Amino acid sequence: MKIELTARHYEVPDRVKKYVDDEVTKLEKIHSKIVNCRVILDRSKEGEMAEINLHISGRDFVISETSDDIIKSIDLAVAKMERQLKRFKGKRYSNARAINSRENL
């Protein structure tokens, strides 16, 4: 998986870059066919935002979370993305099983 990190309105410290890389690679354990991942970190008056864009063979997932701390925003965004990937994987494979069981009848 290719990971792209973009920061808007500030320079990202190395520890945050490493943290983003560690957290995003955890998503590969849930779905192994992730093509690329773009992480956008932004600082504004409202707080610090983390946005994760994932591309999985024909499907795009976009999650955005804002909080007062960038690490907290990253954690919230990754947790939300994990839930979305699990739901997507469950629906995809449950449909395939249903079609296969109908064909066997």
C-alpha atoms as a PDB file:
ATOM      1  CA  MET A   1       0.000   0.000   0.000  1.00  0.00           C
ATOM      2  CA  LYS A   2       1.241   3.447  -0.909  1.00  0.00           C
ATOM      3  CA  ILE A   3       0.785   6.084   1.823  1.00  0.00           C
ATOM      4  CA  GLU A   4       0.785   9.796   0.970  1.00  0.00           C
ATOM      5  CA  LEU A   5       0.922  12.355   3.781  1.00  0.00           C
ATOM      6  CA  THR A   6      -0.034  15.985   3.181  1.00  0.00           C
ATOM      7  CA  ALA A   7       0.007  18.769   5.765  1.00  0.00           C
ATOM      8  CA  ARG A   8      -1.845  22.030   5.354  1.00  0.00           C
ATOM      9  CA  HIS A   9      -0.901  25.203   7.221  1.00  0.00           C
ATOM     10  CA  TYR A  10       1.951  23.650   9.244  1.00  0.00           C
ATOM     11  CA  GLU A  11       4.938  21.306   9.222  1.00  0.00           C
ATOM     12  CA  VAL A  12       4.264  17.823  10.594  1.00  0.00           C
ATOM     13  CA  PRO A  13       6.760  16.540  13.205  1.00  0.00           C
ATOM     14  CA  ASP A  14       8.511  13.237  12.488  1.00  0.00           C
ATOM     15  CA  ARG A  15       6.812  11.496  15.436  1.00  0.00           C
ATOM     16  CA  VAL A  16       3.388  12.313  13.953  1.00  0.00           C
ATOM     17  CA  LYS A  17       4.494  11.038  10.526  1.00  0.00           C
ATOM     18  CA  LYS A  18       5.596   7.754  12.085  1.00  0.00           C
ATOM     19  CA  TYR A  19       2.356   7.545  14.103  1.00  0.00           C
ATOM     20  CA  VAL A  20       0.260   8.056  10.945  1.00  0.00           C
ATOM     21  CA  ASP A  21       2.250   5.377   9.121  1.00  0.00           C
ATOM     22  CA  ASP A  22       1.817   2.881  11.996  1.00  0.00           C
ATOM     23  CA  GLU A  23      -1.917   3.528  12.345  1.00  0.00           C
ATOM     24  CA  VAL A  24      -2.691   3.397   8.632  1.00  0.00           C
ATOM     25  CA  THR A  25      -0.776   0.142   8.121  1.00  0.00           C
ATOM     26  CA  LYS A  26      -3.126  -1.432  10.689  1.00  0.00           C
ATOM     27  CA  LEU A  27      -5.922  -0.952   8.141  1.00  0.00           C
ATOM     28  CA  GLU A  28      -4.202  -3.442   5.824  1.00  0.00           C
ATOM     29  CA  LYS A  29      -4.910  -6.183   8.362  1.00  0.00           C
ATOM     30  CA  ILE A  30      -8.635  -5.583   7.895  1.00  0.00           C
ATOM     31  CA  HIS A  31      -8.592  -5.384   4.089  1.00  0.00           C
ATOM     32  CA  SER A  32      -5.518  -6.556   2.179  1.00  0.00           C
ATOM     33  CA  LYS A  33      -6.475  -5.057  -1.200  1.00  0.00           C
ATOM     34  CA  ILE A  34      -5.916  -1.389  -0.326  1.00  0.00           C
ATOM     35  CA  VAL A  35      -4.243   0.242  -3.330  1.00  0.00           C
ATOM     36  CA  ASN A  36      -3.289   3.609  -1.863  1.00  0.00           C
ATOM     37  CA  CYS A  37      -3.984   5.848   1.105  1.00  0.00           C
ATOM     38  CA  ARG A  38      -3.853   9.623   1.299  1.00  0.00           C
ATOM     39  CA  VAL A  39      -3.759  11.263   4.720  1.00  0.00           C
ATOM     40  CA  ILE A  40      -4.345  15.011   4.964  1.00  0.00           C
ATOM     41  CA  LEU A  41      -3.588  16.828   8.219  1.00  0.00           C
ATOM     42  CA  ASP A  42      -4.926  20.360   8.608  1.00  0.00           C
ATOM     43  CA  ARG A  43      -4.781  22.977  11.332  1.00  0.00           C
ATOM     44  CA  SER A  44      -7.477  25.659  11.509  1.00  0.00           C
ATOM     45  CA  LYS A  45      -9.439  27.785  13.989  1.00  0.00           C
ATOM     46  CA  GLU A  46     -11.906  24.927  14.568  1.00  0.00           C
ATOM     47  CA  GLY A  47      -9.152  22.493  15.556  1.00  0.00           C
ATOM     48  CA  GLU A  48      -6.878  19.948  13.972  1.00  0.00           C
ATOM     49  CA  MET A  49      -8.344  17.763  11.253  1.00  0.00           C
ATOM     50  CA  ALA A  50      -7.249  14.362   9.964  1.00  0.00           C
ATOM     51  CA  GLU A  51      -8.704  13.139   6.682  1.00  0.00           C
ATOM     52  CA  ILE A  52      -8.077   9.644   5.325  1.00  0.00           C
ATOM     53  CA  ASN A  53      -8.776   8.731   1.683  1.00  0.00           C
ATOM     54  CA  LEU A  54      -8.487   5.032   0.828  1.00  0.00           C
ATOM     55  CA  HIS A  55      -8.780   3.470  -2.604  1.00  0.00           C
ATOM     56  CA  ILE A  56      -9.707  -0.219  -2.819  1.00  0.00           C
ATOM     57  CA  SER A  57     -10.054  -1.662  -6.330  1.00  0.00           C
ATOM     58  CA  GLY A  58     -12.949   0.382  -7.685  1.00  0.00           C
ATOM     59  CA  ARG A  59     -14.129   1.887  -4.411  1.00  0.00           C
ATOM     60  CA  ASP A  60     -13.070   5.031  -2.509  1.00  0.00           C
ATOM     61  CA  PHE A  61     -13.508   5.654   1.202  1.00  0.00           C
ATOM     62  CA  VAL A  62     -13.189   9.127   2.742  1.00  0.00           C
ATOM     63  CA  ILE A  63     -13.176   9.843   6.478  1.00  0.00           C
ATOM     64  CA  SER A  64     -12.605  13.194   8.183  1.00  0.00           C
ATOM     65  CA  GLU A  65     -12.350  13.906  11.913  1.00  0.00           C
ATOM     66  CA  THR A  66     -11.638  17.164  13.786  1.00  0.00           C
ATOM     67  CA  SER A  67     -10.595  17.597  17.409  1.00  0.00           C
ATOM     68  CA  ASP A  68      -8.326  19.751  19.555  1.00  0.00           C
ATOM     69  CA  ASP A  69      -5.314  17.402  19.151  1.00  0.00           C
ATOM     70  CA  ILE A  70      -3.932  15.922  15.914  1.00  0.00           C
ATOM     71  CA  ILE A  71      -3.202  12.518  17.490  1.00  0.00           C
ATOM     72  CA  LYS A  72      -6.777  12.321  18.751  1.00  0.00           C
ATOM     73  CA  SER A  73      -8.067  13.252  15.280  1.00  0.00           C
ATOM     74  CA  ILE A  74      -5.921  10.523  13.695  1.00  0.00           C
ATOM     75  CA  ASP A  75      -7.172   7.935  16.205  1.00  0.00           C
ATOM     76  CA  LEU A  76     -10.812   8.866  15.617  1.00  0.00           C
ATOM     77  CA  ALA A  77     -10.410   8.801  11.831  1.00  0.00           C
ATOM     78  CA  VAL A  78      -8.643   5.419  11.846  1.00  0.00           C
ATOM     79  CA  ALA A  79     -11.290   3.913  14.155  1.00  0.00           C
ATOM     80  CA  LYS A  80     -14.061   5.178  11.877  1.00  0.00           C
ATOM     81  CA  MET A  81     -12.253   3.832   8.792  1.00  0.00           C
ATOM     82  CA  GLU A  82     -11.845   0.416  10.481  1.00  0.00           C
ATOM     83  CA  ARG A  83     -15.609   0.256  11.061  1.00  0.00           C
ATOM     84  CA  GLN A  84     -16.317   1.205   7.446  1.00  0.00           C
ATOM     85  CA  LEU A  85     -13.869  -1.365   6.059  1.00  0.00           C
ATOM     86  CA  LYS A  86     -15.287  -4.148   8.253  1.00  0.00           C
ATOM     87  CA  ARG A  87     -18.821  -3.281   7.151  1.00  0.00           C
ATOM     88  CA  PHE A  88     -17.772  -3.176   3.475  1.00  0.00           C
ATOM     89  CA  LYS A  89     -15.903  -6.470   3.711  1.00  0.00           C
ATOM     90  CA  GLY A  90     -18.831  -8.130   5.490  1.00  0.00           C
ATOM     91  CA  LYS A  91     -21.344  -7.002   2.879  1.00  0.00           C
ATOM     92  CA  ARG A  92     -19.084  -7.957  -0.012  1.00  0.00           C
ATOM     93  CA  TYR A  93     -18.447 -11.487   1.234  1.00  0.00           C
ATOM     94  CA  SER A  94     -21.955 -12.128   2.526  1.00  0.00           C
ATOM     95  CA  ASN A  95     -23.333 -11.269  -0.946  1.00  0.00           C
ATOM     96  CA  ALA A  96     -20.831 -13.617  -2.590  1.00  0.00           C
ATOM     97  CA  ARG A  97     -21.833 -16.443  -0.245  1.00  0.00           C
ATOM     98  CA  ALA A  98     -25.525 -15.831  -0.899  1.00  0.00           C
ATOM     99  CA  ILE A  99     -25.006 -15.984  -4.669  1.00  0.00           C
ATOM    100  CA  ASN A 100     -22.938 -19.162  -4.390  1.00  0.00           C
ATOM    101  CA  SER A 101     -25.527 -20.870  -2.203  1.00  0.00           C
ATOM    102  CA  ARG A 102     -28.292 -20.020  -4.725  1.00  0.00           C
ATOM    103  CA  GLU A 103     -26.223 -21.463  -7.555  1.00  0.00           C
ATOM    104  CA  ASN A 104     -25.718 -24.730  -5.660  1.00  0.00           C
ATOM    105  CA  LEU A 105     -29.494 -25.258  -5.303  1.00  0.00           C
END
